[in-house]
Protein backbone atom coordinates (compact mmCIF):
# COMPACT_ATOMS: atom_id res chain seq x y z
CA UNK A 1 52.96 93.72 91.54
CA UNK A 2 51.12 93.90 88.07
CA UNK A 3 52.79 94.41 84.83
CA UNK A 4 52.21 98.23 84.38
CA UNK A 5 53.98 98.51 88.07
CA UNK A 6 56.62 96.09 87.22
CA UNK A 7 57.19 98.16 83.76
CA UNK A 8 57.46 101.49 85.84
CA UNK A 9 59.71 99.82 88.51
CA UNK A 10 62.22 98.55 85.48
CA UNK A 11 62.07 102.36 84.15
CA UNK A 12 63.00 103.79 87.48
CA UNK A 13 65.72 101.24 88.20
CA UNK A 14 67.51 102.21 84.85
CA UNK A 15 67.21 105.99 85.57
CA UNK A 16 68.43 105.65 89.04
CA UNK A 17 71.47 103.34 87.94
CA UNK A 18 72.31 105.54 85.12
CA UNK A 19 72.35 108.38 87.49
CA UNK A 20 74.41 106.34 89.88
CA UNK A 21 76.83 105.97 87.12
CA UNK A 22 77.34 109.53 86.53
CA UNK A 23 78.78 109.73 90.07
CA UNK A 24 81.72 107.60 89.10
CA UNK A 25 82.23 109.23 85.74
CA UNK A 26 86.12 109.63 85.45
CA UNK A 27 85.39 112.80 83.03
CA UNK A 28 84.04 114.55 86.07
CA UNK A 29 87.01 115.97 88.31
CA UNK A 30 84.74 115.63 91.39
CA UNK A 31 83.35 112.20 90.82
CA UNK A 32 83.63 109.57 93.22
CA UNK A 33 86.50 107.62 90.93
CA UNK A 34 88.35 110.86 90.33
CA UNK A 35 88.56 111.63 94.05
CA UNK A 36 89.60 108.21 94.87
CA UNK A 37 92.04 108.25 92.31
CA UNK A 38 93.49 111.57 93.11
CA UNK A 39 93.63 110.55 96.71
CA UNK A 40 95.58 107.27 96.14
CA UNK A 41 97.88 109.20 93.64
CA UNK A 42 99.04 112.01 96.14
CA UNK A 43 99.32 109.34 98.99
CA UNK A 44 101.81 107.27 96.88
CA UNK A 45 103.65 110.53 96.27
CA UNK A 46 103.85 111.69 99.67
CA UNK A 47 104.93 108.41 101.10
CA UNK A 48 107.50 108.34 98.55
CA UNK A 49 108.73 111.59 99.51
CA UNK A 50 108.82 110.49 103.09
CA UNK A 51 110.43 107.24 102.33
CA UNK A 52 113.25 109.52 100.50
CA UNK A 53 113.48 111.85 103.21
CA UNK A 54 113.89 108.97 105.65
CA UNK A 55 116.66 107.23 103.45
CA UNK A 56 118.35 110.58 103.19
CA UNK A 57 118.04 111.35 107.04
CA UNK A 58 119.84 107.82 107.61
CA UNK A 59 122.63 108.47 105.04
CA UNK A 60 123.55 111.68 106.54
CA UNK A 61 122.38 113.57 103.72
CA UNK A 62 120.97 117.04 103.89
CA UNK A 63 117.10 116.43 103.82
CA UNK A 64 114.49 118.56 101.83
CA UNK A 65 114.24 122.38 102.87
CA UNK A 66 112.12 123.05 105.79
CA UNK A 67 109.76 125.21 104.07
CA UNK A 68 108.93 122.38 101.55
CA UNK A 69 108.53 119.72 104.39
CA UNK A 70 105.77 121.90 106.03
CA UNK A 71 104.01 123.04 102.63
CA UNK A 72 103.78 119.39 101.56
CA UNK A 73 102.71 118.12 105.02
CA UNK A 74 100.04 120.55 105.59
CA UNK A 75 98.55 120.16 102.09
CA UNK A 76 98.82 116.36 102.18
CA UNK A 77 96.98 116.26 105.66
CA UNK A 78 94.35 118.74 104.48
CA UNK A 79 93.60 117.10 101.06
CA UNK A 80 93.34 113.55 102.42
CA UNK A 81 91.11 114.19 105.40
CA UNK A 82 88.88 116.43 103.54
CA UNK A 83 88.33 113.96 100.77
CA UNK A 84 87.71 111.29 102.86
CA UNK A 85 85.28 113.39 104.47
CA UNK A 86 83.62 114.21 101.25
CA UNK A 87 83.23 110.81 100.20
CA UNK A 88 81.46 110.00 103.52
CA UNK A 89 79.10 112.98 103.56
CA UNK A 90 75.37 112.32 103.86
CA UNK A 91 73.14 113.75 101.52
CA UNK A 92 70.10 116.37 102.49
CA UNK A 93 67.15 115.33 100.07
CA UNK A 94 65.23 117.88 101.93
CA UNK A 95 68.01 120.67 100.47
CA UNK A 96 68.52 119.77 97.14
CA UNK A 97 70.89 123.00 96.48
CA UNK A 98 73.60 121.25 98.73
CA UNK A 99 73.35 118.08 97.16
CA UNK A 100 76.51 115.93 97.52
CA UNK A 101 77.92 113.08 95.46
CA UNK A 102 79.63 110.36 98.04
CA UNK A 103 79.37 106.96 99.03
CA UNK A 104 77.40 107.46 102.08
CA UNK A 105 74.74 108.87 99.67
CA UNK A 106 74.90 105.90 97.66
CA UNK A 107 74.32 103.48 100.36
CA UNK A 108 71.31 105.88 101.85
CA UNK A 109 69.77 105.83 98.30
CA UNK A 110 70.23 102.16 97.85
CA UNK A 111 68.35 101.49 100.76
CA UNK A 112 65.60 104.26 99.49
CA UNK A 113 65.26 102.74 96.32
CA UNK A 114 65.54 98.82 97.36
CA UNK A 115 61.98 98.33 96.07
CA UNK A 116 63.19 98.93 92.44
CA UNK A 117 66.42 97.03 92.63
CA UNK A 118 65.15 93.88 92.09
CA UNK A 119 66.66 90.46 90.71
CA UNK A 120 64.64 90.74 87.73
CA UNK A 121 65.56 94.29 86.83
CA UNK A 122 69.24 94.05 87.92
CA UNK A 123 69.68 90.68 85.50
CA UNK A 124 67.42 92.01 82.51
CA UNK A 125 68.25 95.84 82.18
CA UNK A 126 70.85 95.35 79.49
CA UNK A 127 69.22 92.92 77.50
CA UNK A 128 69.85 89.60 79.11
CA UNK A 129 67.16 86.86 79.77
CA UNK A 130 65.87 86.45 83.18
CA UNK A 131 64.50 82.69 82.72
CA UNK A 132 68.39 81.65 81.66
CA UNK A 133 67.75 78.01 81.97
CA UNK A 134 65.21 78.02 79.15
CA UNK A 135 67.81 79.85 76.72
CA UNK A 136 70.51 77.60 77.84
CA UNK A 137 68.97 74.55 76.92
CA UNK A 138 68.01 76.04 73.73
CA UNK A 139 71.72 76.98 73.27
CA UNK A 140 72.76 73.28 74.30
CA UNK A 141 70.48 71.76 71.66
CA UNK A 142 71.56 73.97 68.83
CA UNK A 143 75.24 73.33 69.58
CA UNK A 144 74.62 69.53 69.42
CA UNK A 145 72.85 69.69 66.33
CA UNK A 146 75.38 71.64 64.81
CA UNK A 147 78.19 69.14 66.26
CA UNK A 148 75.86 66.17 64.50
CA UNK A 149 76.25 68.08 60.95
CA UNK A 150 80.15 68.61 61.34
CA UNK A 151 81.48 65.44 62.75
CA UNK A 152 85.13 65.57 63.72
CA UNK A 153 85.28 69.22 63.82
CA UNK A 154 85.70 71.58 66.56
CA UNK A 155 82.52 73.84 67.03
CA UNK A 156 83.47 77.45 67.89
CA UNK A 157 80.99 80.10 69.49
CA UNK A 158 80.83 83.17 71.16
CA UNK A 159 79.34 83.58 74.86
CA UNK A 160 75.72 83.71 74.91
CA UNK A 161 73.42 86.01 76.69
CA UNK A 162 72.51 83.55 79.25
CA UNK A 163 75.95 83.37 80.43
CA UNK A 164 75.60 86.63 81.65
CA UNK A 165 72.30 86.10 83.12
CA UNK A 166 73.26 83.26 85.13
CA UNK A 167 76.36 85.22 86.28
CA UNK A 168 74.01 88.11 87.44
CA UNK A 169 71.82 85.76 89.05
CA UNK A 170 74.48 83.98 91.29
CA UNK A 171 75.60 87.70 92.37
CA UNK A 172 72.12 89.12 93.24
CA UNK A 173 71.61 85.55 95.14
CA UNK A 174 74.52 87.13 97.38
CA UNK A 175 73.05 90.53 97.42
CA UNK A 176 69.39 88.95 98.54
CA UNK A 177 70.91 86.19 100.98
CA UNK A 178 68.56 83.55 98.92
CA UNK A 179 69.83 80.44 97.57
CA UNK A 180 69.13 79.24 93.86
CA UNK A 181 65.98 77.26 94.62
CA UNK A 182 64.62 80.39 96.87
CA UNK A 183 65.14 83.04 94.27
CA UNK A 184 62.30 85.10 92.68
CA UNK A 185 61.95 88.12 90.22
CA UNK A 186 60.85 90.37 92.97
CA UNK A 187 63.83 89.60 95.16
CA UNK A 188 65.58 92.82 96.70
CA UNK A 189 69.09 93.59 98.23
CA UNK A 190 68.68 92.15 101.86
CA UNK A 191 69.11 94.70 104.56
CA UNK A 192 72.06 92.97 106.07
CA UNK A 193 74.33 94.05 102.71
CA UNK A 194 73.36 97.71 103.02
CA UNK A 195 74.08 97.73 106.81
CA UNK A 196 77.35 96.00 106.17
CA UNK A 197 78.21 98.83 103.60
CA UNK A 198 77.52 101.41 106.08
CA UNK A 199 79.45 99.70 108.57
CA UNK A 200 82.53 99.52 106.37
CA UNK A 201 82.11 103.32 105.67
CA UNK A 202 81.97 104.19 109.38
CA UNK A 203 85.39 102.80 109.77
CA UNK A 204 86.47 106.08 108.19
CA UNK A 205 84.79 108.25 111.01
CA UNK A 206 87.85 108.71 113.02
CA UNK A 207 89.39 110.85 109.99
CA UNK A 208 85.83 112.62 109.26
CA UNK A 209 86.13 113.72 113.07
CA UNK A 210 89.89 114.88 112.40
CA UNK A 211 88.74 116.81 109.38
CA UNK A 212 85.82 118.62 111.09
CA UNK A 213 87.97 119.21 114.29
CA UNK A 214 91.37 120.21 113.13
CA UNK A 215 90.82 121.16 109.23
CA UNK A 216 87.52 122.37 108.16
CA UNK A 217 86.98 124.07 111.36
CA UNK A 218 88.42 125.84 114.24
CA UNK A 219 86.92 124.25 117.62
CA UNK A 220 86.95 125.77 120.72
CA UNK A 221 88.13 124.22 124.06
CA UNK A 222 84.52 122.73 125.18
CA UNK A 223 84.35 121.17 121.57
CA UNK A 224 87.93 119.97 121.45
CA UNK A 225 87.40 118.07 124.83
CA UNK A 226 84.06 116.43 123.79
CA UNK A 227 85.58 114.82 121.05
CA UNK A 228 87.04 111.51 120.84
CA UNK A 229 90.66 112.04 121.55
CA UNK A 230 92.06 109.40 119.62
CA UNK A 231 90.32 110.53 116.32
CA UNK A 232 92.37 113.79 116.81
CA UNK A 233 95.66 111.84 116.54
CA UNK A 234 96.38 111.55 112.79
CA UNK A 235 98.78 108.86 111.33
CA UNK A 236 99.69 107.58 107.90
CA UNK A 237 98.34 104.13 108.93
CA UNK A 238 95.03 105.80 109.88
CA UNK A 239 95.00 107.52 106.13
CA UNK A 240 95.88 104.37 104.26
CA UNK A 241 93.23 102.35 106.43
CA UNK A 242 90.67 104.82 105.21
CA UNK A 243 91.60 105.00 101.81
CA UNK A 244 91.71 101.35 101.57
CA UNK A 245 88.29 101.18 102.71
CA UNK A 246 86.88 103.71 100.31
CA UNK A 247 88.55 102.20 97.27
CA UNK A 248 87.46 98.87 98.40
CA UNK A 249 83.99 100.09 98.95
CA UNK A 250 83.86 102.08 95.38
CA UNK A 251 85.36 99.20 93.49
CA UNK A 252 82.25 96.74 94.99
CA UNK A 253 79.58 99.33 94.26
CA UNK A 254 80.91 100.15 90.71
CA UNK A 255 81.82 96.53 89.54
CA UNK A 256 79.28 94.49 91.41
CA UNK A 257 76.27 96.58 92.79
CA UNK A 258 76.09 98.52 89.10
CA UNK A 259 77.66 95.82 87.28
CA UNK A 260 80.04 98.37 85.45
CA UNK A 261 83.20 96.42 85.31
CA UNK A 262 86.31 97.01 87.36
CA UNK A 263 88.56 99.97 87.67
CA UNK A 264 91.78 100.51 88.67
CA UNK A 265 92.04 102.88 92.05
CA UNK A 266 95.71 104.00 91.25
CA UNK A 267 96.30 105.76 88.08
CA UNK A 268 99.22 104.47 85.78
CA UNK A 269 101.60 107.16 85.04
CA UNK A 270 102.20 108.09 81.50
CA UNK A 271 105.78 108.96 81.97
CA UNK A 272 108.51 108.79 84.73
CA UNK A 273 106.91 110.78 87.71
CA UNK A 274 110.57 111.27 89.01
CA UNK A 275 111.70 112.65 86.11
CA UNK A 276 114.34 115.58 86.63
CA UNK A 277 114.35 114.67 90.52
CA UNK A 278 118.27 115.00 90.27
CA UNK A 279 117.85 118.87 89.42
CA UNK A 280 118.08 120.89 92.55
CA UNK A 281 114.78 122.23 93.70
CA UNK A 282 116.34 125.73 93.59
CA UNK A 283 119.14 126.24 91.26
CA UNK A 284 122.03 127.86 93.09
CA UNK A 285 122.00 131.08 91.03
CA UNK A 286 118.54 131.79 92.01
CA UNK A 287 118.38 131.18 95.87
CA UNK A 288 119.62 134.82 96.51
CA UNK A 289 116.36 136.06 94.49
CA UNK A 290 114.16 133.65 96.17
CA UNK A 291 115.48 134.53 99.68
CA UNK A 292 114.62 138.29 98.55
CA UNK A 293 111.25 137.67 97.46
CA UNK A 294 110.31 135.73 100.60
CA UNK A 295 111.77 138.63 102.69
CA UNK A 296 109.93 141.23 100.93
CA UNK A 297 106.75 139.54 101.17
CA UNK A 298 107.05 138.95 104.95
CA UNK A 299 107.65 142.63 105.37
CA UNK A 300 104.91 143.47 103.01
CA UNK A 301 102.23 141.42 104.94
CA UNK A 302 103.64 142.75 108.36
CA UNK A 303 103.53 146.38 107.14
CA UNK A 304 99.91 146.01 106.30
CA UNK A 305 97.48 147.75 109.01
CA UNK A 306 94.42 146.69 110.45
CA UNK A 307 91.21 148.31 109.91
CA UNK A 308 90.12 151.51 111.10
CA UNK A 309 86.58 152.28 112.35
CA UNK A 310 85.79 154.53 109.19
CA UNK A 311 87.26 151.64 106.81
CA UNK A 312 85.26 149.07 108.92
CA UNK A 313 82.09 150.87 107.77
CA UNK A 314 83.00 151.65 104.46
CA UNK A 315 84.15 155.29 104.78
CA UNK A 316 87.94 155.73 104.40
CA UNK A 317 87.71 159.45 104.46
CA UNK A 318 85.74 159.38 107.92
CA UNK A 319 82.50 159.84 109.08
CA UNK A 320 81.74 156.96 111.43
CA UNK A 321 78.73 154.77 111.19
CA UNK A 322 77.09 155.50 107.71
């Protein structure tokens, strides 16, 4: 690659890396990190609620209200399965108006832009030197000279740039599948690494199938019969496995492939999340009002009539088809 081509590849790499980083921006509630944090947080609370219910049943204590059980379970299943599917959604570059942000899209784009994701661009994008051995030798010589001028004193120093460069080199050697002696500036991520990332993501396919067949869509008999029946059986363990895969893959991409640092995948509560748990969910003096409200709402819904032909065509006073 000539110098102009190398410069353009470097610019393209920086632009693409910056775009990918926005997909993990915690300031965006729909980013990959925000979804994963919310996913693990909600799973933690649901499991805690489930554990509390188990303890109370074993102790012979009245468990949670029936309506709350149903409400929490339905919401939990819908939220978890749809988020897992969203993080696994492929992107259609031919239809940018329907663009998605997902781990699957990142993997696909990593494969597409592999040519600019070179060893040299990865190591030097933030100002670190590529030929760190030269800088390392200079640093060692300067340190030795300084030590000679101050015999008997401890020489302190901050980490030089070449140390970060060395770390990046060793990491990219793992990406490219090359040894230290084989490494070249134009080395790229090996196909096996991209395939392995995709293989990890495919472990979530059973949850994606469940979301498609049971949550996002209402399948007919033929569609259900053609589906993998095991994928239509949902368990907490399957959800945990999928969330573990997604969290681990996101940390690998953000922390190593994008070299942006590690991140917790379960938020730290700012206050006691179980505060006020000893307070009854519905105070005794308000239970009558809530029962009355629910009864009136049920009657209101049941009393609503279906559409008439005139209403269907937008003519409440009659007139038939306009």
